[in-house]
Amino acid sequence: TIVRHKAPLLMVVLSNSVYGWIKASQKA
């Protein structure tokens, strides 16, 4: 959809291979 509309968005993926909020809560 973004490409079709040529929307000049900046997208940033924080890639850490985990559902981090849940794993951090399992740790704590």
PDB file of all heavy atoms in Angstrom:
ATOM      1  N   THR A   1       0.839  -1.204   0.000  1.00  0.00           N
ATOM      2  CA  THR A   1       0.000   0.000   0.000  1.00  0.00           C
ATOM      3  C   THR A   1       0.869   1.248   0.000  1.00  0.00           C
ATOM      4  O   THR A   1       0.606   2.211  -0.731  1.00  0.00           O
ATOM      5  CB  THR A   1      -0.916   0.004   1.240  1.00  0.00           C
ATOM      6  OG1 THR A   1      -1.563  -1.266   1.367  1.00  0.00           O
ATOM      7  CG2 THR A   1      -1.955   1.103   1.148  1.00  0.00           C
ATOM      8  N   ILE A   2       1.906   1.231   0.798  1.00  0.00           N
ATOM      9  CA  ILE A   2       2.820   2.372   0.901  1.00  0.00           C
ATOM     10  C   ILE A   2       3.505   2.638  -0.432  1.00  0.00           C
ATOM     11  O   ILE A   2       3.600   3.783  -0.893  1.00  0.00           O
ATOM     12  CB  ILE A   2       3.836   2.115   2.036  1.00  0.00           C
ATOM     13  CG1 ILE A   2       3.130   2.129   3.396  1.00  0.00           C
ATOM     14  CG2 ILE A   2       4.967   3.134   2.002  1.00  0.00           C
ATOM     15  CD1 ILE A   2       3.955   1.543   4.527  1.00  0.00           C
ATOM     16  N   VAL A   3       3.970   1.575  -1.087  1.00  0.00           N
ATOM     17  CA  VAL A   3       4.640   1.715  -2.386  1.00  0.00           C
ATOM     18  C   VAL A   3       3.655   2.199  -3.446  1.00  0.00           C
ATOM     19  O   VAL A   3       3.967   3.072  -4.269  1.00  0.00           O
ATOM     20  CB  VAL A   3       5.291   0.385  -2.801  1.00  0.00           C
ATOM     21  CG1 VAL A   3       5.779   0.441  -4.240  1.00  0.00           C
ATOM     22  CG2 VAL A   3       6.457   0.055  -1.862  1.00  0.00           C
ATOM     23  N   ARG A   4       2.447   1.657  -3.429  1.00  0.00           N
ATOM     24  CA  ARG A   4       1.439   2.038  -4.420  1.00  0.00           C
ATOM     25  C   ARG A   4       1.143   3.538  -4.360  1.00  0.00           C
ATOM     26  O   ARG A   4       0.914   4.189  -5.375  1.00  0.00           O
ATOM     27  CB  ARG A   4       0.160   1.228  -4.179  1.00  0.00           C
ATOM     28  CG  ARG A   4      -0.918   1.461  -5.204  1.00  0.00           C
ATOM     29  CD  ARG A   4      -2.162   0.596  -5.002  1.00  0.00           C
ATOM     30  NE  ARG A   4      -2.109  -0.347  -3.924  1.00  0.00           N
ATOM     31  CZ  ARG A   4      -2.936  -0.310  -2.865  1.00  0.00           C
ATOM     32  NH1 ARG A   4      -3.848   0.633  -2.752  1.00  0.00           N
ATOM     33  NH2 ARG A   4      -2.844  -1.229  -1.931  1.00  0.00           N
ATOM     34  N   HIS A   5       1.159   4.094  -3.144  1.00  0.00           N
ATOM     35  CA  HIS A   5       0.874   5.521  -2.981  1.00  0.00           C
ATOM     36  C   HIS A   5       2.141   6.385  -2.959  1.00  0.00           C
ATOM     37  O   HIS A   5       2.055   7.599  -2.755  1.00  0.00           O
ATOM     38  CB  HIS A   5       0.055   5.743  -1.707  1.00  0.00           C
ATOM     39  CG  HIS A   5      -1.352   5.249  -1.827  1.00  0.00           C
ATOM     40  ND1 HIS A   5      -2.337   5.990  -2.443  1.00  0.00           N
ATOM     41  CD2 HIS A   5      -1.930   4.081  -1.448  1.00  0.00           C
ATOM     42  CE1 HIS A   5      -3.474   5.303  -2.421  1.00  0.00           C
ATOM     43  NE2 HIS A   5      -3.257   4.146  -1.831  1.00  0.00           N
ATOM     44  N   LYS A   6       3.285   5.745  -3.148  1.00  0.00           N
ATOM     45  CA  LYS A   6       4.566   6.460  -3.173  1.00  0.00           C
ATOM     46  C   LYS A   6       4.735   7.347  -1.938  1.00  0.00           C
ATOM     47  O   LYS A   6       5.242   8.469  -2.010  1.00  0.00           O
ATOM     48  CB  LYS A   6       4.687   7.311  -4.456  1.00  0.00           C
ATOM     49  CG  LYS A   6       4.607   6.502  -5.748  1.00  0.00           C
ATOM     50  CD  LYS A   6       4.737   7.406  -6.966  1.00  0.00           C
ATOM     51  CE  LYS A   6       4.770   6.622  -8.269  1.00  0.00           C
ATOM     52  NZ  LYS A   6       3.540   5.848  -8.512  1.00  0.00           N
ATOM     53  N   ALA A   7       4.327   6.840  -0.810  1.00  0.00           N
ATOM     54  CA  ALA A   7       4.411   7.598   0.443  1.00  0.00           C
ATOM     55  C   ALA A   7       5.854   7.608   0.936  1.00  0.00           C
ATOM     56  O   ALA A   7       6.436   6.544   1.173  1.00  0.00           O
ATOM     57  CB  ALA A   7       3.503   6.984   1.494  1.00  0.00           C
ATOM     58  N   PRO A   8       6.461   8.781   1.134  1.00  0.00           N
ATOM     59  CA  PRO A   8       7.873   8.849   1.531  1.00  0.00           C
ATOM     60  C   PRO A   8       8.076   8.623   3.030  1.00  0.00           C
ATOM     61  O   PRO A   8       8.661   9.442   3.735  1.00  0.00           O
ATOM     62  CB  PRO A   8       8.265  10.266   1.113  1.00  0.00           C
ATOM     63  CG  PRO A   8       7.000  11.062   1.271  1.00  0.00           C
ATOM     64  CD  PRO A   8       5.874  10.125   0.902  1.00  0.00           C
ATOM     65  N   LEU A   9       7.577   7.494   3.513  1.00  0.00           N
ATOM     66  CA  LEU A   9       7.706   7.186   4.933  1.00  0.00           C
ATOM     67  C   LEU A   9       9.121   6.728   5.257  1.00  0.00           C
ATOM     68  O   LEU A   9       9.791   6.094   4.439  1.00  0.00           O
ATOM     69  CB  LEU A   9       6.740   6.068   5.336  1.00  0.00           C
ATOM     70  CG  LEU A   9       5.248   6.252   5.089  1.00  0.00           C
ATOM     71  CD1 LEU A   9       4.479   5.076   5.688  1.00  0.00           C
ATOM     72  CD2 LEU A   9       4.749   7.571   5.648  1.00  0.00           C
ATOM     73  N   LEU A  10       9.557   7.031   6.471  1.00  0.00           N
ATOM     74  CA  LEU A  10      10.762   6.423   7.026  1.00  0.00           C
ATOM     75  C   LEU A  10      10.302   5.343   7.992  1.00  0.00           C
ATOM     76  O   LEU A  10       9.598   5.626   8.960  1.00  0.00           O
ATOM     77  CB  LEU A  10      11.609   7.455   7.765  1.00  0.00           C
ATOM     78  CG  LEU A  10      12.760   6.888   8.611  1.00  0.00           C
ATOM     79  CD1 LEU A  10      13.758   6.127   7.755  1.00  0.00           C
ATOM     80  CD2 LEU A  10      13.452   7.995   9.402  1.00  0.00           C
ATOM     81  N   MET A  11      10.684   4.106   7.715  1.00  0.00           N
ATOM     82  CA  MET A  11      10.323   2.986   8.586  1.00  0.00           C
ATOM     83  C   MET A  11      11.591   2.421   9.220  1.00  0.00           C
ATOM     84  O   MET A  11      12.584   2.192   8.526  1.00  0.00           O
ATOM     85  CB  MET A  11       9.592   1.910   7.788  1.00  0.00           C
ATOM     86  CG  MET A  11       8.233   2.365   7.268  1.00  0.00           C
ATOM     87  SD  MET A  11       7.505   1.242   6.047  1.00  0.00           S
ATOM     88  CE  MET A  11       8.378   1.766   4.558  1.00  0.00           C
ATOM     89  N   VAL A  12      11.535   2.234  10.536  1.00  0.00           N
ATOM     90  CA  VAL A  12      12.676   1.700  11.270  1.00  0.00           C
ATOM     91  C   VAL A  12      12.214   0.450  12.014  1.00  0.00           C
ATOM     92  O   VAL A  12      11.249   0.497  12.791  1.00  0.00           O
ATOM     93  CB  VAL A  12      13.236   2.731  12.270  1.00  0.00           C
ATOM     94  CG1 VAL A  12      14.426   2.146  13.025  1.00  0.00           C
ATOM     95  CG2 VAL A  12      13.626   4.021  11.563  1.00  0.00           C
ATOM     96  N   VAL A  13      12.894  -0.664  11.748  1.00  0.00           N
ATOM     97  CA  VAL A  13      12.590  -1.913  12.449  1.00  0.00           C
ATOM     98  C   VAL A  13      13.691  -2.171  13.471  1.00  0.00           C
ATOM     99  O   VAL A  13      14.875  -2.225  13.118  1.00  0.00           O
ATOM    100  CB  VAL A  13      12.500  -3.102  11.475  1.00  0.00           C
ATOM    101  CG1 VAL A  13      12.141  -4.377  12.235  1.00  0.00           C
ATOM    102  CG2 VAL A  13      11.472  -2.831  10.383  1.00  0.00           C
ATOM    103  N   LEU A  14      13.293  -2.294  14.736  1.00  0.00           N
ATOM    104  CA  LEU A  14      14.231  -2.716  15.774  1.00  0.00           C
ATOM    105  C   LEU A  14      14.153  -4.238  15.829  1.00  0.00           C
ATOM    106  O   LEU A  14      13.225  -4.816  16.397  1.00  0.00           O
ATOM    107  CB  LEU A  14      13.856  -2.088  17.121  1.00  0.00           C
ATOM    108  CG  LEU A  14      13.882  -0.554  17.149  1.00  0.00           C
ATOM    109  CD1 LEU A  14      13.441  -0.034  18.519  1.00  0.00           C
ATOM    110  CD2 LEU A  14      15.262  -0.025  16.812  1.00  0.00           C
ATOM    111  N   SER A  15      15.116  -4.870  15.196  1.00  0.00           N
ATOM    112  CA  SER A  15      15.076  -6.308  14.966  1.00  0.00           C
ATOM    113  C   SER A  15      15.834  -7.044  16.068  1.00  0.00           C
ATOM    114  O   SER A  15      17.058  -6.923  16.176  1.00  0.00           O
ATOM    115  CB  SER A  15      15.699  -6.616  13.599  1.00  0.00           C
ATOM    116  OG  SER A  15      15.749  -7.999  13.384  1.00  0.00           O
ATOM    117  N   ASN A  16      15.089  -7.782  16.899  1.00  0.00           N
ATOM    118  CA  ASN A  16      15.758  -8.519  17.969  1.00  0.00           C
ATOM    119  C   ASN A  16      15.235  -9.956  18.122  1.00  0.00           C
ATOM    120  O   ASN A  16      15.553 -10.635  19.089  1.00  0.00           O
ATOM    121  CB  ASN A  16      15.647  -7.773  19.301  1.00  0.00           C
ATOM    122  CG  ASN A  16      14.228  -7.332  19.620  1.00  0.00           C
ATOM    123  OD1 ASN A  16      13.260  -7.972  19.191  1.00  0.00           O
ATOM    124  ND2 ASN A  16      14.096  -6.249  20.351  1.00  0.00           N
ATOM    125  N   SER A  17      14.406 -10.396  17.193  1.00  0.00           N
ATOM    126  CA  SER A  17      13.977 -11.805  17.115  1.00  0.00           C
ATOM    127  C   SER A  17      13.275 -12.298  18.379  1.00  0.00           C
ATOM    128  O   SER A  17      13.464 -13.444  18.788  1.00  0.00           O
ATOM    129  CB  SER A  17      15.182 -12.714  16.834  1.00  0.00           C
ATOM    130  OG  SER A  17      15.865 -12.288  15.691  1.00  0.00           O
ATOM    131  N   VAL A  18      12.453 -11.415  18.961  1.00  0.00           N
ATOM    132  CA  VAL A  18      11.788 -11.812  20.202  1.00  0.00           C
ATOM    133  C   VAL A  18      10.576 -10.914  20.429  1.00  0.00           C
ATOM    134  O   VAL A  18      10.554  -9.756  19.996  1.00  0.00           O
ATOM    135  CB  VAL A  18      12.780 -11.689  21.390  1.00  0.00           C
ATOM    136  CG1 VAL A  18      13.217 -10.240  21.607  1.00  0.00           C
ATOM    137  CG2 VAL A  18      12.190 -12.252  22.682  1.00  0.00           C
ATOM    138  N   TYR A  19       9.572 -11.466  21.073  1.00  0.00           N
ATOM    139  CA  TYR A  19       8.507 -10.622  21.622  1.00  0.00           C
ATOM    140  C   TYR A  19       9.057 -10.069  22.937  1.00  0.00           C
ATOM    141  O   TYR A  19       8.899 -10.644  24.016  1.00  0.00           O
ATOM    142  CB  TYR A  19       7.227 -11.430  21.833  1.00  0.00           C
ATOM    143  CG  TYR A  19       6.520 -11.736  20.526  1.00  0.00           C
ATOM    144  CD1 TYR A  19       6.359 -13.043  20.081  1.00  0.00           C
ATOM    145  CD2 TYR A  19       6.018 -10.710  19.737  1.00  0.00           C
ATOM    146  CE1 TYR A  19       5.726 -13.318  18.866  1.00  0.00           C
ATOM    147  CE2 TYR A  19       5.383 -10.975  18.521  1.00  0.00           C
ATOM    148  CZ  TYR A  19       5.242 -12.274  18.106  1.00  0.00           C
ATOM    149  OH  TYR A  19       4.613 -12.535  16.899  1.00  0.00           O
ATOM    150  N   GLY A  20       9.754  -8.926  22.785  1.00  0.00           N
ATOM    151  CA  GLY A  20      10.646  -8.456  23.835  1.00  0.00           C
ATOM    152  C   GLY A  20       9.970  -8.068  25.123  1.00  0.00           C
ATOM    153  O   GLY A  20      10.510  -8.299  26.212  1.00  0.00           O
ATOM    154  N   TRP A  21       8.799  -7.446  25.026  1.00  0.00           N
ATOM    155  CA  TRP A  21       8.139  -6.996  26.255  1.00  0.00           C
ATOM    156  C   TRP A  21       7.812  -8.194  27.144  1.00  0.00           C
ATOM    157  O   TRP A  21       8.009  -8.154  28.358  1.00  0.00           O
ATOM    158  CB  TRP A  21       6.863  -6.229  25.898  1.00  0.00           C
ATOM    159  CG  TRP A  21       6.287  -5.501  27.070  1.00  0.00           C
ATOM    160  CD1 TRP A  21       5.494  -6.007  28.051  1.00  0.00           C
ATOM    161  CD2 TRP A  21       6.505  -4.117  27.401  1.00  0.00           C
ATOM    162  NE1 TRP A  21       5.189  -5.035  28.965  1.00  0.00           N
ATOM    163  CE2 TRP A  21       5.789  -3.878  28.591  1.00  0.00           C
ATOM    164  CE3 TRP A  21       7.206  -3.084  26.802  1.00  0.00           C
ATOM    165  CZ2 TRP A  21       5.762  -2.610  29.195  1.00  0.00           C
ATOM    166  CZ3 TRP A  21       7.184  -1.835  27.402  1.00  0.00           C
ATOM    167  CH2 TRP A  21       6.471  -1.607  28.585  1.00  0.00           C
ATOM    168  N   ILE A  22       7.362  -9.272  26.545  1.00  0.00           N
ATOM    169  CA  ILE A  22       6.986 -10.450  27.316  1.00  0.00           C
ATOM    170  C   ILE A  22       8.231 -11.141  27.873  1.00  0.00           C
ATOM    171  O   ILE A  22       8.260 -11.558  29.042  1.00  0.00           O
ATOM    172  CB  ILE A  22       6.166 -11.426  26.453  1.00  0.00           C
ATOM    173  CG1 ILE A  22       4.965 -10.706  25.843  1.00  0.00           C
ATOM    174  CG2 ILE A  22       5.705 -12.618  27.287  1.00  0.00           C
ATOM    175  CD1 ILE A  22       4.083  -9.984  26.838  1.00  0.00           C
ATOM    176  N   LYS A  23       9.271 -11.225  27.060  1.00  0.00           N
ATOM    177  CA  LYS A  23      10.483 -11.897  27.550  1.00  0.00           C
ATOM    178  C   LYS A  23      11.113 -11.105  28.695  1.00  0.00           C
ATOM    179  O   LYS A  23      11.581 -11.699  29.673  1.00  0.00           O
ATOM    180  CB  LYS A  23      11.490 -12.080  26.412  1.00  0.00           C
ATOM    181  CG  LYS A  23      12.660 -12.995  26.806  1.00  0.00           C
ATOM    182  CD  LYS A  23      13.456 -13.455  25.602  1.00  0.00           C
ATOM    183  CE  LYS A  23      14.520 -14.465  25.996  1.00  0.00           C
ATOM    184  NZ  LYS A  23      15.257 -14.999  24.838  1.00  0.00           N
ATOM    185  N   ALA A  24      11.116  -9.777  28.575  1.00  0.00           N
ATOM    186  CA  ALA A  24      11.650  -8.963  29.668  1.00  0.00           C
ATOM    187  C   ALA A  24      10.824  -9.139  30.937  1.00  0.00           C
ATOM    188  O   ALA A  24      11.367  -9.163  32.051  1.00  0.00           O
ATOM    189  CB  ALA A  24      11.690  -7.496  29.246  1.00  0.00           C
ATOM    190  N   SER A  25       9.521  -9.279  30.786  1.00  0.00           N
ATOM    191  CA  SER A  25       8.660  -9.497  31.953  1.00  0.00           C
ATOM    192  C   SER A  25       8.879 -10.887  32.539  1.00  0.00           C
ATOM    193  O   SER A  25       8.819 -11.072  33.766  1.00  0.00           O
ATOM    194  CB  SER A  25       7.196  -9.310  31.561  1.00  0.00           C
ATOM    195  OG  SER A  25       6.951  -7.982  31.143  1.00  0.00           O
ATOM    196  N   GLN A  26       9.143 -11.880  31.677  1.00  0.00           N
ATOM    197  CA  GLN A  26       9.477 -13.216  32.183  1.00  0.00           C
ATOM    198  C   GLN A  26      10.789 -13.203  32.955  1.00  0.00           C
ATOM    199  O   GLN A  26      10.947 -13.917  33.945  1.00  0.00           O
ATOM    200  CB  GLN A  26       9.552 -14.214  31.024  1.00  0.00           C
ATOM    201  CG  GLN A  26       8.195 -14.551  30.424  1.00  0.00           C
ATOM    202  CD  GLN A  26       8.276 -15.433  29.197  1.00  0.00           C
ATOM    203  OE1 GLN A  26       9.320 -15.494  28.539  1.00  0.00           O
ATOM    204  NE2 GLN A  26       7.184 -16.106  28.860  1.00  0.00           N
ATOM    205  N   LYS A  27      11.720 -12.358  32.522  1.00  0.00           N
ATOM    206  CA  LYS A  27      12.990 -12.232  33.234  1.00  0.00           C
ATOM    207  C   LYS A  27      12.786 -11.582  34.594  1.00  0.00           C
ATOM    208  O   LYS A  27      13.310 -12.051  35.610  1.00  0.00           O
ATOM    209  CB  LYS A  27      13.973 -11.411  32.404  1.00  0.00           C
ATOM    210  CG  LYS A  27      15.324 -11.203  33.087  1.00  0.00           C
ATOM    211  CD  LYS A  27      16.264 -10.395  32.203  1.00  0.00           C
ATOM    212  CE  LYS A  27      17.639 -10.217  32.863  1.00  0.00           C
ATOM    213  NZ  LYS A  27      18.565  -9.458  31.977  1.00  0.00           N
ATOM    214  N   ALA A  28      11.994 -10.486  34.614  1.00  0.00           N
ATOM    215  CA  ALA A  28      11.839  -9.718  35.852  1.00  0.00           C
ATOM    216  C   ALA A  28      10.937 -10.406  36.865  1.00  0.00           C
ATOM    217  O   ALA A  28      11.195 -10.333  38.073  1.00  0.00           O
ATOM    218  CB  ALA A  28      11.278  -8.331  35.523  1.00  0.00           C
TER     219      ALA A  28
END
